[in-house]
Amino acid sequence: MASADRESQQAFDSISHIGHFRGGGISGVGGCTRWFVLSEDADVLQHYRAALPAAGWEVVEDDGRRLRAQRDGLAFEAMPCPAGGVVWAGSEENRAFGQGTVMPAGSDICAAHH
């Protein structure tokens, strides 16, 4: 578990982030989820569309509601929430916000950090 956390932290540290992390987060089997808040209105996905390739990540999914990028066996996902958003980093074999991952199926990832 510690090695997965370390890999997730390295993934986070490699990327230029938007907003302010609230501290803490959820570590799951395949990665780590963190929520952030924005001080002003900003386009979360637009930020990561630029920041991820600049850090050597390849954006592999972008449906306008969330995006996913991969690099060196790791994956990173970002999704906007009201007044902020949520990011996840972990193994590329895992999904961030899908069924059976960090969040129970059908739950609202944006509401989970309150």
PDB file of N, CA and C in Angstrom:
ATOM      1  N   MET A   1       0.835  -1.198   0.000  1.00  0.00           N
ATOM      2  CA  MET A   1       0.000   0.000   0.000  1.00  0.00           C
ATOM      3  C   MET A   1       0.871   1.251   0.000  1.00  0.00           C
ATOM      4  N   ALA A   2       1.945   1.231   0.750  1.00  0.00           N
ATOM      5  CA  ALA A   2       2.817   2.410   0.830  1.00  0.00           C
ATOM      6  C   ALA A   2       3.405   2.746  -0.533  1.00  0.00           C
ATOM      7  N   SER A   3       3.768   1.731  -1.307  1.00  0.00           N
ATOM      8  CA  SER A   3       4.354   2.008  -2.619  1.00  0.00           C
ATOM      9  C   SER A   3       3.316   2.624  -3.553  1.00  0.00           C
ATOM     10  N   ALA A   4       2.067   2.187  -3.450  1.00  0.00           N
ATOM     11  CA  ALA A   4       1.007   2.778  -4.269  1.00  0.00           C
ATOM     12  C   ALA A   4       0.794   4.237  -3.877  1.00  0.00           C
ATOM     13  N   ASP A   5       0.826   4.522  -2.579  1.00  0.00           N
ATOM     14  CA  ASP A   5       0.692   5.901  -2.118  1.00  0.00           C
ATOM     15  C   ASP A   5       1.843   6.761  -2.623  1.00  0.00           C
ATOM     16  N   ARG A   6       3.043   6.191  -2.585  1.00  0.00           N
ATOM     17  CA  ARG A   6       4.213   6.943  -3.035  1.00  0.00           C
ATOM     18  C   ARG A   6       4.101   7.243  -4.525  1.00  0.00           C
ATOM     19  N   GLU A   7       3.693   6.237  -5.306  1.00  0.00           N
ATOM     20  CA  GLU A   7       3.519   6.452  -6.745  1.00  0.00           C
ATOM     21  C   GLU A   7       2.453   7.509  -7.010  1.00  0.00           C
ATOM     22  N   SER A   8       1.350   7.440  -6.263  1.00  0.00           N
ATOM     23  CA  SER A   8       0.287   8.423  -6.436  1.00  0.00           C
ATOM     24  C   SER A   8       0.805   9.826  -6.119  1.00  0.00           C
ATOM     25  N   GLN A   9       1.584   9.944  -5.053  1.00  0.00           N
ATOM     26  CA  GLN A   9       2.128  11.250  -4.661  1.00  0.00           C
ATOM     27  C   GLN A   9       3.058  11.783  -5.748  1.00  0.00           C
ATOM     28  N   GLN A  10       3.888  10.910  -6.315  1.00  0.00           N
ATOM     29  CA  GLN A  10       4.787  11.339  -7.385  1.00  0.00           C
ATOM     30  C   GLN A  10       3.991  11.803  -8.598  1.00  0.00           C
ATOM     31  N   ALA A  11       2.888  11.113  -8.869  1.00  0.00           N
ATOM     32  CA  ALA A  11       2.031  11.512  -9.981  1.00  0.00           C
ATOM     33  C   ALA A  11       1.446  12.900  -9.723  1.00  0.00           C
ATOM     34  N   PHE A  12       0.932  13.124  -8.507  1.00  0.00           N
ATOM     35  CA  PHE A  12       0.400  14.444  -8.158  1.00  0.00           C
ATOM     36  C   PHE A  12       1.476  15.517  -8.308  1.00  0.00           C
ATOM     37  N   ASP A  13       2.659  15.221  -7.785  1.00  0.00           N
ATOM     38  CA  ASP A  13       3.722  16.225  -7.755  1.00  0.00           C
ATOM     39  C   ASP A  13       4.239  16.578  -9.147  1.00  0.00           C
ATOM     40  N   SER A  14       4.015  15.724 -10.123  1.00  0.00           N
ATOM     41  CA  SER A  14       4.534  15.970 -11.468  1.00  0.00           C
ATOM     42  C   SER A  14       3.663  16.943 -12.258  1.00  0.00           C
ATOM     43  N   ILE A  15       2.496  17.288 -11.722  1.00  0.00           N
ATOM     44  CA  ILE A  15       1.501  18.048 -12.476  1.00  0.00           C
ATOM     45  C   ILE A  15       1.273  19.404 -11.826  1.00  0.00           C
ATOM     46  N   SER A  16       1.091  20.417 -12.650  1.00  0.00           N
ATOM     47  CA  SER A  16       0.706  21.745 -12.153  1.00  0.00           C
ATOM     48  C   SER A  16      -0.787  21.729 -11.844  1.00  0.00           C
ATOM     49  N   HIS A  17      -1.139  21.993 -10.584  1.00  0.00           N
ATOM     50  CA  HIS A  17      -2.539  21.878 -10.171  1.00  0.00           C
ATOM     51  C   HIS A  17      -3.247  23.222 -10.108  1.00  0.00           C
ATOM     52  N   ILE A  18      -4.556  23.143 -10.112  1.00  0.00           N
ATOM     53  CA  ILE A  18      -5.419  24.304 -10.000  1.00  0.00           C
ATOM     54  C   ILE A  18      -6.111  24.220  -8.639  1.00  0.00           C
ATOM     55  N   GLY A  19      -6.364  25.346  -8.012  1.00  0.00           N
ATOM     56  CA  GLY A  19      -7.124  25.331  -6.764  1.00  0.00           C
ATOM     57  C   GLY A  19      -6.279  24.975  -5.555  1.00  0.00           C
ATOM     58  N   HIS A  20      -6.950  24.775  -4.429  1.00  0.00           N
ATOM     59  CA  HIS A  20      -6.293  24.499  -3.154  1.00  0.00           C
ATOM     60  C   HIS A  20      -6.767  23.153  -2.624  1.00  0.00           C
ATOM     61  N   PHE A  21      -5.851  22.243  -2.381  1.00  0.00           N
ATOM     62  CA  PHE A  21      -6.229  20.951  -1.824  1.00  0.00           C
ATOM     63  C   PHE A  21      -6.638  21.139  -0.371  1.00  0.00           C
ATOM     64  N   ARG A  22      -7.672  20.443   0.026  1.00  0.00           N
ATOM     65  CA  ARG A  22      -8.199  20.595   1.377  1.00  0.00           C
ATOM     66  C   ARG A  22      -7.421  19.759   2.383  1.00  0.00           C
ATOM     67  N   GLY A  23      -6.440  19.045   1.945  1.00  0.00           N
ATOM     68  CA  GLY A  23      -5.722  18.155   2.853  1.00  0.00           C
ATOM     69  C   GLY A  23      -6.480  16.846   2.955  1.00  0.00           C
ATOM     70  N   GLY A  24      -5.752  15.790   3.193  1.00  0.00           N
ATOM     71  CA  GLY A  24      -6.398  14.490   3.286  1.00  0.00           C
ATOM     72  C   GLY A  24      -6.856  13.998   1.929  1.00  0.00           C
ATOM     73  N   GLY A  25      -7.675  13.023   1.940  1.00  0.00           N
ATOM     74  CA  GLY A  25      -8.136  12.385   0.728  1.00  0.00           C
ATOM     75  C   GLY A  25      -8.444  10.938   1.054  1.00  0.00           C
ATOM     76  N   ILE A  26      -8.727  10.178   0.040  1.00  0.00           N
ATOM     77  CA  ILE A  26      -9.035   8.762   0.231  1.00  0.00           C
ATOM     78  C   ILE A  26      -8.003   7.951  -0.532  1.00  0.00           C
ATOM     79  N   SER A  27      -7.351   7.039   0.141  1.00  0.00           N
ATOM     80  CA  SER A  27      -6.472   6.100  -0.534  1.00  0.00           C
ATOM     81  C   SER A  27      -7.224   4.795  -0.709  1.00  0.00           C
ATOM     82  N   GLY A  28      -7.240   4.306  -1.928  1.00  0.00           N
ATOM     83  CA  GLY A  28      -7.875   3.031  -2.212  1.00  0.00           C
ATOM     84  C   GLY A  28      -6.832   2.040  -2.656  1.00  0.00           C
ATOM     85  N   VAL A  29      -7.277   0.886  -3.081  1.00  0.00           N
ATOM     86  CA  VAL A  29      -6.342  -0.159  -3.510  1.00  0.00           C
ATOM     87  C   VAL A  29      -5.513   0.323  -4.685  1.00  0.00           C
ATOM     88  N   GLY A  30      -6.166   0.996  -5.639  1.00  0.00           N
ATOM     89  CA  GLY A  30      -5.471   1.335  -6.872  1.00  0.00           C
ATOM     90  C   GLY A  30      -5.001   2.759  -6.980  1.00  0.00           C
ATOM     91  N   GLY A  31      -5.243   3.594  -5.957  1.00  0.00           N
ATOM     92  CA  GLY A  31      -4.810   4.973  -6.092  1.00  0.00           C
ATOM     93  C   GLY A  31      -5.315   5.844  -4.962  1.00  0.00           C
ATOM     94  N   CYS A  32      -5.212   7.142  -5.181  1.00  0.00           N
ATOM     95  CA  CYS A  32      -5.498   8.117  -4.143  1.00  0.00           C
ATOM     96  C   CYS A  32      -6.374   9.232  -4.721  1.00  0.00           C
ATOM     97  N   THR A  33      -7.413   9.608  -4.006  1.00  0.00           N
ATOM     98  CA  THR A  33      -8.339  10.649  -4.446  1.00  0.00           C
ATOM     99  C   THR A  33      -8.187  11.868  -3.552  1.00  0.00           C
ATOM    100  N   ARG A  34      -8.171  13.051  -4.164  1.00  0.00           N
ATOM    101  CA  ARG A  34      -8.097  14.298  -3.390  1.00  0.00           C
ATOM    102  C   ARG A  34      -9.075  15.312  -3.963  1.00  0.00           C
ATOM    103  N   TRP A  35      -9.663  16.104  -3.056  1.00  0.00           N
ATOM    104  CA  TRP A  35     -10.582  17.158  -3.476  1.00  0.00           C
ATOM    105  C   TRP A  35      -9.888  18.511  -3.359  1.00  0.00           C
ATOM    106  N   PHE A  36     -10.291  19.450  -4.224  1.00  0.00           N
ATOM    107  CA  PHE A  36      -9.734  20.799  -4.124  1.00  0.00           C
ATOM    108  C   PHE A  36     -10.845  21.828  -4.283  1.00  0.00           C
ATOM    109  N   VAL A  37     -10.576  23.022  -3.799  1.00  0.00           N
ATOM    110  CA  VAL A  37     -11.520  24.129  -3.916  1.00  0.00           C
ATOM    111  C   VAL A  37     -10.882  25.225  -4.765  1.00  0.00           C
ATOM    112  N   LEU A  38     -11.727  25.956  -5.452  1.00  0.00           N
ATOM    113  CA  LEU A  38     -11.260  27.058  -6.284  1.00  0.00           C
ATOM    114  C   LEU A  38     -11.649  28.380  -5.641  1.00  0.00           C
ATOM    115  N   SER A  39     -10.719  29.331  -5.647  1.00  0.00           N
ATOM    116  CA  SER A  39     -11.034  30.642  -5.093  1.00  0.00           C
ATOM    117  C   SER A  39     -11.798  31.486  -6.105  1.00  0.00           C
ATOM    118  N   GLU A  40     -11.596  31.243  -7.385  1.00  0.00           N
ATOM    119  CA  GLU A  40     -12.390  31.926  -8.393  1.00  0.00           C
ATOM    120  C   GLU A  40     -12.867  30.913  -9.421  1.00  0.00           C
ATOM    121  N   ASP A  41     -13.801  31.339 -10.231  1.00  0.00           N
ATOM    122  CA  ASP A  41     -14.360  30.443 -11.238  1.00  0.00           C
ATOM    123  C   ASP A  41     -13.284  30.120 -12.272  1.00  0.00           C
ATOM    124  N   ALA A  42     -13.045  28.860 -12.508  1.00  0.00           N
ATOM    125  CA  ALA A  42     -12.030  28.458 -13.472  1.00  0.00           C
ATOM    126  C   ALA A  42     -12.479  27.167 -14.135  1.00  0.00           C
ATOM    127  N   ASP A  43     -11.967  26.926 -15.329  1.00  0.00           N
ATOM    128  CA  ASP A  43     -12.294  25.707 -16.064  1.00  0.00           C
ATOM    129  C   ASP A  43     -11.286  24.624 -15.684  1.00  0.00           C
ATOM    130  N   VAL A  44     -11.723  23.737 -14.799  1.00  0.00           N
ATOM    131  CA  VAL A  44     -10.845  22.688 -14.276  1.00  0.00           C
ATOM    132  C   VAL A  44     -10.288  21.819 -15.398  1.00  0.00           C
ATOM    133  N   LEU A  45     -11.174  21.339 -16.273  1.00  0.00           N
ATOM    134  CA  LEU A  45     -10.718  20.436 -17.334  1.00  0.00           C
ATOM    135  C   LEU A  45      -9.785  21.149 -18.296  1.00  0.00           C
ATOM    136  N   GLN A  46     -10.077  22.409 -18.599  1.00  0.00           N
ATOM    137  CA  GLN A  46      -9.209  23.166 -19.502  1.00  0.00           C
ATOM    138  C   GLN A  46      -7.807  23.296 -18.904  1.00  0.00           C
ATOM    139  N   HIS A  47      -7.731  23.514 -17.603  1.00  0.00           N
ATOM    140  CA  HIS A  47      -6.427  23.607 -16.940  1.00  0.00           C
ATOM    141  C   HIS A  47      -5.640  22.307 -17.121  1.00  0.00           C
ATOM    142  N   TYR A  48      -6.281  21.179 -16.835  1.00  0.00           N
ATOM    143  CA  TYR A  48      -5.563  19.904 -16.909  1.00  0.00           C
ATOM    144  C   TYR A  48      -5.304  19.468 -18.343  1.00  0.00           C
ATOM    145  N   ARG A  49      -6.125  19.928 -19.292  1.00  0.00           N
ATOM    146  CA  ARG A  49      -5.829  19.630 -20.705  1.00  0.00           C
ATOM    147  C   ARG A  49      -4.477  20.185 -21.113  1.00  0.00           C
ATOM    148  N   ALA A  50      -4.094  21.311 -20.517  1.00  0.00           N
ATOM    149  CA  ALA A  50      -2.792  21.918 -20.815  1.00  0.00           C
ATOM    150  C   ALA A  50      -1.705  21.400 -19.877  1.00  0.00           C
ATOM    151  N   ALA A  51      -2.035  21.269 -18.573  1.00  0.00           N
ATOM    152  CA  ALA A  51      -1.019  20.925 -17.574  1.00  0.00           C
ATOM    153  C   ALA A  51      -0.509  19.495 -17.729  1.00  0.00           C
ATOM    154  N   LEU A  52      -1.392  18.566 -18.090  1.00  0.00           N
ATOM    155  CA  LEU A  52      -0.973  17.165 -18.171  1.00  0.00           C
ATOM    156  C   LEU A  52       0.028  16.916 -19.293  1.00  0.00           C
ATOM    157  N   PRO A  53      -0.269  17.322 -20.534  1.00  0.00           N
ATOM    158  CA  PRO A  53       0.742  17.111 -21.585  1.00  0.00           C
ATOM    159  C   PRO A  53       2.052  17.844 -21.293  1.00  0.00           C
ATOM    160  N   ALA A  54       1.970  19.013 -20.650  1.00  0.00           N
ATOM    161  CA  ALA A  54       3.186  19.766 -20.299  1.00  0.00           C
ATOM    162  C   ALA A  54       4.057  18.981 -19.330  1.00  0.00           C
ATOM    163  N   ALA A  55       3.427  18.105 -18.534  1.00  0.00           N
ATOM    164  CA  ALA A  55       4.169  17.298 -17.560  1.00  0.00           C
ATOM    165  C   ALA A  55       4.502  15.907 -18.104  1.00  0.00           C
ATOM    166  N   GLY A  56       4.253  15.693 -19.390  1.00  0.00           N
ATOM    167  CA  GLY A  56       4.610  14.422 -20.006  1.00  0.00           C
ATOM    168  C   GLY A  56       3.529  13.362 -19.962  1.00  0.00           C
ATOM    169  N   TRP A  57       2.304  13.747 -19.602  1.00  0.00           N
ATOM    170  CA  TRP A  57       1.183  12.818 -19.557  1.00  0.00           C
ATOM    171  C   TRP A  57       0.447  12.839 -20.892  1.00  0.00           C
ATOM    172  N   GLU A  58      -0.150  11.723 -21.258  1.00  0.00           N
ATOM    173  CA  GLU A  58      -0.975  11.640 -22.468  1.00  0.00           C
ATOM    174  C   GLU A  58      -2.440  11.555 -22.057  1.00  0.00           C
ATOM    175  N   VAL A  59      -3.235  12.529 -22.497  1.00  0.00           N
ATOM    176  CA  VAL A  59      -4.668  12.503 -22.215  1.00  0.00           C
ATOM    177  C   VAL A  59      -5.292  11.410 -23.080  1.00  0.00           C
ATOM    178  N   VAL A  60      -5.930  10.424 -22.432  1.00  0.00           N
ATOM    179  CA  VAL A  60      -6.475   9.279 -23.156  1.00  0.00           C
ATOM    180  C   VAL A  60      -8.000   9.283 -23.180  1.00  0.00           C
ATOM    181  N   GLU A  61      -8.630  10.051 -22.279  1.00  0.00           N
ATOM    182  CA  GLU A  61     -10.093  10.191 -22.286  1.00  0.00           C
ATOM    183  C   GLU A  61     -10.427  11.615 -21.884  1.00  0.00           C
ATOM    184  N   ASP A  62     -11.411  12.200 -22.577  1.00  0.00           N
ATOM    185  CA  ASP A  62     -11.855  13.547 -22.231  1.00  0.00           C
ATOM    186  C   ASP A  62     -13.257  13.704 -22.791  1.00  0.00           C
ATOM    187  N   ASP A  63     -14.250  13.505 -21.926  1.00  0.00           N
ATOM    188  CA  ASP A  63     -15.632  13.551 -22.408  1.00  0.00           C
ATOM    189  C   ASP A  63     -16.351  14.836 -21.992  1.00  0.00           C
ATOM    190  N   GLY A  64     -15.583  15.811 -21.489  1.00  0.00           N
ATOM    191  CA  GLY A  64     -16.178  17.078 -21.086  1.00  0.00           C
ATOM    192  C   GLY A  64     -16.665  17.082 -19.638  1.00  0.00           C
ATOM    193  N   ARG A  65     -16.763  15.898 -19.021  1.00  0.00           N
ATOM    194  CA  ARG A  65     -17.160  15.814 -17.607  1.00  0.00           C
ATOM    195  C   ARG A  65     -15.985  15.399 -16.740  1.00  0.00           C
ATOM    196  N   ARG A  66     -15.033  14.707 -17.325  1.00  0.00           N
ATOM    197  CA  ARG A  66     -13.808  14.323 -16.627  1.00  0.00           C
ATOM    198  C   ARG A  66     -12.772  13.984 -17.688  1.00  0.00           C
ATOM    199  N   LEU A  67     -11.524  13.974 -17.275  1.00  0.00           N
ATOM    200  CA  LEU A  67     -10.497  13.528 -18.216  1.00  0.00           C
ATOM    201  C   LEU A  67      -9.534  12.596 -17.516  1.00  0.00           C
ATOM    202  N   ARG A  68      -8.904  11.762 -18.329  1.00  0.00           N
ATOM    203  CA  ARG A  68      -7.972  10.751 -17.819  1.00  0.00           C
ATOM    204  C   ARG A  68      -6.701  10.830 -18.662  1.00  0.00           C
ATOM    205  N   ALA A  69      -5.582  10.753 -17.971  1.00  0.00           N
ATOM    206  CA  ALA A  69      -4.292  10.744 -18.651  1.00  0.00           C
ATOM    207  C   ALA A  69      -3.452   9.606 -18.095  1.00  0.00           C
ATOM    208  N   GLN A  70      -2.468   9.169 -18.885  1.00  0.00           N
ATOM    209  CA  GLN A  70      -1.611   8.065 -18.462  1.00  0.00           C
ATOM    210  C   GLN A  70      -0.159   8.395 -18.751  1.00  0.00           C
ATOM    211  N   ARG A  71       0.721   7.840 -17.909  1.00  0.00           N
ATOM    212  CA  ARG A  71       2.161   8.001 -18.095  1.00  0.00           C
ATOM    213  C   ARG A  71       2.873   6.943 -17.271  1.00  0.00           C
ATOM    214  N   ASP A  72       3.765   6.204 -17.898  1.00  0.00           N
ATOM    215  CA  ASP A  72       4.651   5.268 -17.180  1.00  0.00           C
ATOM    216  C   ASP A  72       3.910   4.322 -16.245  1.00  0.00           C
ATOM    217  N   GLY A  73       2.772   3.779 -16.689  1.00  0.00           N
ATOM    218  CA  GLY A  73       2.037   2.821 -15.880  1.00  0.00           C
ATOM    219  C   GLY A  73       1.123   3.452 -14.856  1.00  0.00           C
ATOM    220  N   LEU A  74       1.103   4.779 -14.774  1.00  0.00           N
ATOM    221  CA  LEU A  74       0.232   5.487 -13.846  1.00  0.00           C
ATOM    222  C   LEU A  74      -0.900   6.164 -14.610  1.00  0.00           C
ATOM    223  N   ALA A  75      -1.967   6.458 -13.895  1.00  0.00           N
ATOM    224  CA  ALA A  75      -3.089   7.185 -14.479  1.00  0.00           C
ATOM    225  C   ALA A  75      -3.448   8.347 -13.570  1.00  0.00           C
ATOM    226  N   PHE A  76      -4.025   9.386 -14.174  1.00  0.00           N
ATOM    227  CA  PHE A  76      -4.474  10.563 -13.442  1.00  0.00           C
ATOM    228  C   PHE A  76      -5.844  10.930 -13.993  1.00  0.00           C
ATOM    229  N   GLU A  77      -6.791  11.204 -13.111  1.00  0.00           N
ATOM    230  CA  GLU A  77      -8.116  11.642 -13.552  1.00  0.00           C
ATOM    231  C   GLU A  77      -8.490  12.913 -12.816  1.00  0.00           C
ATOM    232  N   ALA A  78      -9.204  13.774 -13.517  1.00  0.00           N
ATOM    233  CA  ALA A  78      -9.693  15.027 -12.938  1.00  0.00           C
ATOM    234  C   ALA A  78     -11.149  15.193 -13.313  1.00  0.00           C
ATOM    235  N   MET A  79     -11.926  15.720 -12.376  1.00  0.00           N
ATOM    236  CA  MET A  79     -13.348  15.943 -12.612  1.00  0.00           C
ATOM    237  C   MET A  79     -13.776  17.195 -11.857  1.00  0.00           C
ATOM    238  N   PRO A  80     -14.444  18.138 -12.539  1.00  0.00           N
ATOM    239  CA  PRO A  80     -14.900  19.331 -11.828  1.00  0.00           C
ATOM    240  C   PRO A  80     -16.083  19.025 -10.919  1.00  0.00           C
ATOM    241  N   CYS A  81     -16.165  19.748  -9.817  1.00  0.00           N
ATOM    242  CA  CYS A  81     -17.290  19.715  -8.890  1.00  0.00           C
ATOM    243  C   CYS A  81     -17.712  21.167  -8.666  1.00  0.00           C
ATOM    244  N   PRO A  82     -18.876  21.403  -8.083  1.00  0.00           N
ATOM    245  CA  PRO A  82     -19.235  22.787  -7.752  1.00  0.00           C
ATOM    246  C   PRO A  82     -18.174  23.415  -6.846  1.00  0.00           C
ATOM    247  N   ALA A  83     -17.645  24.569  -7.229  1.00  0.00           N
ATOM    248  CA  ALA A  83     -16.655  25.330  -6.459  1.00  0.00           C
ATOM    249  C   ALA A  83     -15.321  24.614  -6.318  1.00  0.00           C
ATOM    250  N   GLY A  84     -15.044  23.650  -7.168  1.00  0.00           N
ATOM    251  CA  GLY A  84     -13.762  22.955  -7.088  1.00  0.00           C
ATOM    252  C   GLY A  84     -13.738  21.742  -7.983  1.00  0.00           C
ATOM    253  N   GLY A  85     -13.191  20.666  -7.449  1.00  0.00           N
ATOM    254  CA  GLY A  85     -13.112  19.450  -8.236  1.00  0.00           C
ATOM    255  C   GLY A  85     -12.446  18.348  -7.446  1.00  0.00           C
ATOM    256  N   VAL A  86     -12.226  17.246  -8.138  1.00  0.00           N
ATOM    257  CA  VAL A  86     -11.594  16.085  -7.523  1.00  0.00           C
ATOM    258  C   VAL A  86     -10.574  15.525  -8.511  1.00  0.00           C
ATOM    259  N   VAL A  87      -9.430  15.106  -7.989  1.00  0.00           N
ATOM    260  CA  VAL A  87      -8.412  14.467  -8.811  1.00  0.00           C
ATOM    261  C   VAL A  87      -8.045  13.130  -8.182  1.00  0.00           C
ATOM    262  N   TRP A  88      -7.583  12.246  -9.020  1.00  0.00           N
ATOM    263  CA  TRP A  88      -7.194  10.898  -8.597  1.00  0.00           C
ATOM    264  C   TRP A  88      -5.917  10.537  -9.314  1.00  0.00           C
ATOM    265  N   ALA A  89      -5.038   9.825  -8.635  1.00  0.00           N
ATOM    266  CA  ALA A  89      -3.838   9.286  -9.269  1.00  0.00           C
ATOM    267  C   ALA A  89      -3.635   7.867  -8.780  1.00  0.00           C
ATOM    268  N   GLY A  90      -3.210   7.004  -9.678  1.00  0.00           N
ATOM    269  CA  GLY A  90      -2.979   5.612  -9.302  1.00  0.00           C
ATOM    270  C   GLY A  90      -2.489   4.809 -10.487  1.00  0.00           C
ATOM    271  N   SER A  91      -2.668   3.516 -10.403  1.00  0.00           N
ATOM    272  CA  SER A  91      -2.222   2.610 -11.454  1.00  0.00           C
ATOM    273  C   SER A  91      -3.123   2.726 -12.672  1.00  0.00           C
ATOM    274  N   GLU A  92      -2.527   2.652 -13.875  1.00  0.00           N
ATOM    275  CA  GLU A  92      -3.333   2.763 -15.088  1.00  0.00           C
ATOM    276  C   GLU A  92      -4.288   1.583 -15.261  1.00  0.00           C
ATOM    277  N   GLU A  93      -4.110   0.525 -14.475  1.00  0.00           N
ATOM    278  CA  GLU A  93      -5.027  -0.610 -14.553  1.00  0.00           C
ATOM    279  C   GLU A  93      -6.325  -0.329 -13.812  1.00  0.00           C
ATOM    280  N   ASN A  94      -6.367   0.732 -13.021  1.00  0.00           N
ATOM    281  CA  ASN A  94      -7.523   1.024 -12.192  1.00  0.00           C
ATOM    282  C   ASN A  94      -8.299   2.226 -12.711  1.00  0.00           C
ATOM    283  N   ARG A  95      -9.551   2.293 -12.307  1.00  0.00           N
ATOM    284  CA  ARG A  95     -10.411   3.419 -12.648  1.00  0.00           C
ATOM    285  C   ARG A  95     -10.591   4.277 -11.406  1.00  0.00           C
ATOM    286  N   ALA A  96     -10.702   5.562 -11.604  1.00  0.00           N
ATOM    287  CA  ALA A  96     -10.840   6.455 -10.463  1.00  0.00           C
ATOM    288  C   ALA A  96     -12.258   6.470  -9.926  1.00  0.00           C
ATOM    289  N   PHE A  97     -13.208   6.792 -10.769  1.00  0.00           N
ATOM    290  CA  PHE A  97     -14.547   7.095 -10.286  1.00  0.00           C
ATOM    291  C   PHE A  97     -15.559   6.046 -10.736  1.00  0.00           C
ATOM    292  N   GLY A  98     -15.075   4.862 -11.050  1.00  0.00           N
ATOM    293  CA  GLY A  98     -15.966   3.821 -11.544  1.00  0.00           C
ATOM    294  C   GLY A  98     -16.474   2.931 -10.431  1.00  0.00           C
ATOM    295  N   GLN A  99     -17.343   2.026 -10.791  1.00  0.00           N
ATOM    296  CA  GLN A  99     -17.918   1.101  -9.815  1.00  0.00           C
ATOM    297  C   GLN A  99     -16.823   0.229  -9.206  1.00  0.00           C
ATOM    298  N   GLY A 100     -16.934  -0.010  -7.909  1.00  0.00           N
ATOM    299  CA  GLY A 100     -16.000  -0.909  -7.249  1.00  0.00           C
ATOM    300  C   GLY A 100     -14.654  -0.296  -6.938  1.00  0.00           C
ATOM    301  N   THR A 101     -14.532   1.015  -7.081  1.00  0.00           N
ATOM    302  CA  THR A 101     -13.261   1.660  -6.772  1.00  0.00           C
ATOM    303  C   THR A 101     -13.386   2.373  -5.433  1.00  0.00           C
ATOM    304  N   VAL A 102     -12.819   3.548  -5.345  1.00  0.00           N
ATOM    305  CA  VAL A 102     -12.806   4.296  -4.088  1.00  0.00           C
ATOM    306  C   VAL A 102     -14.232   4.587  -3.615  1.00  0.00           C
ATOM    307  N   MET A 103     -15.112   4.899  -4.545  1.00  0.00           N
ATOM    308  CA  MET A 103     -16.473   5.298  -4.191  1.00  0.00           C
ATOM    309  C   MET A 103     -17.452   4.152  -4.442  1.00  0.00           C
ATOM    310  N   PRO A 104     -18.424   3.978  -3.567  1.00  0.00           N
ATOM    311  CA  PRO A 104     -19.475   2.981  -3.834  1.00  0.00           C
ATOM    312  C   PRO A 104     -20.228   3.353  -5.108  1.00  0.00           C
ATOM    313  N   ALA A 105     -20.704   2.368  -5.802  1.00  0.00           N
ATOM    314  CA  ALA A 105     -21.431   2.605  -7.054  1.00  0.00           C
ATOM    315  C   ALA A 105     -22.601   3.546  -6.823  1.00  0.00           C
ATOM    316  N   GLY A 106     -22.751   4.500  -7.723  1.00  0.00           N
ATOM    317  CA  GLY A 106     -23.887   5.403  -7.678  1.00  0.00           C
ATOM    318  C   GLY A 106     -23.729   6.570  -6.731  1.00  0.00           C
ATOM    319  N   SER A 107     -22.635   6.631  -5.975  1.00  0.00           N
ATOM    320  CA  SER A 107     -22.477   7.747  -5.047  1.00  0.00           C
ATOM    321  C   SER A 107     -21.891   8.944  -5.789  1.00  0.00           C
ATOM    322  N   ASP A 108     -22.084  10.118  -5.229  1.00  0.00           N
ATOM    323  CA  ASP A 108     -21.631  11.345  -5.849  1.00  0.00           C
ATOM    324  C   ASP A 108     -20.233  11.681  -5.326  1.00  0.00           C
ATOM    325  N   ILE A 109     -19.244  11.566  -6.177  1.00  0.00           N
ATOM    326  CA  ILE A 109     -17.875  11.834  -5.761  1.00  0.00           C
ATOM    327  C   ILE A 109     -17.718  13.277  -5.288  1.00  0.00           C
ATOM    328  N   CYS A 110     -18.492  14.189  -5.874  1.00  0.00           N
ATOM    329  CA  CYS A 110     -18.377  15.591  -5.475  1.00  0.00           C
ATOM    330  C   CYS A 110     -18.916  15.826  -4.071  1.00  0.00           C
ATOM    331  N   ALA A 111     -19.940  15.093  -3.689  1.00  0.00           N
ATOM    332  CA  ALA A 111     -20.548  15.282  -2.362  1.00  0.00           C
ATOM    333  C   ALA A 111     -19.775  14.550  -1.273  1.00  0.00           C
ATOM    334  N   ALA A 112     -18.883  13.659  -1.662  1.00  0.00           N
ATOM    335  CA  ALA A 112     -18.251  12.764  -0.684  1.00  0.00           C
ATOM    336  C   ALA A 112     -17.290  13.474   0.255  1.00  0.00           C
ATOM    337  N   HIS A 113     -16.793  14.641  -0.119  1.00  0.00           N
ATOM    338  CA  HIS A 113     -15.767  15.282   0.709  1.00  0.00           C
ATOM    339  C   HIS A 113     -16.333  16.223   1.750  1.00  0.00           C
ATOM    340  N   HIS A 114     -17.644  16.364   1.812  1.00  0.00           N
ATOM    341  CA  HIS A 114     -18.220  17.277   2.814  1.00  0.00           C
ATOM    342  C   HIS A 114     -18.350  16.591   4.159  1.00  0.00           C
TER     343      HIS A 114
END
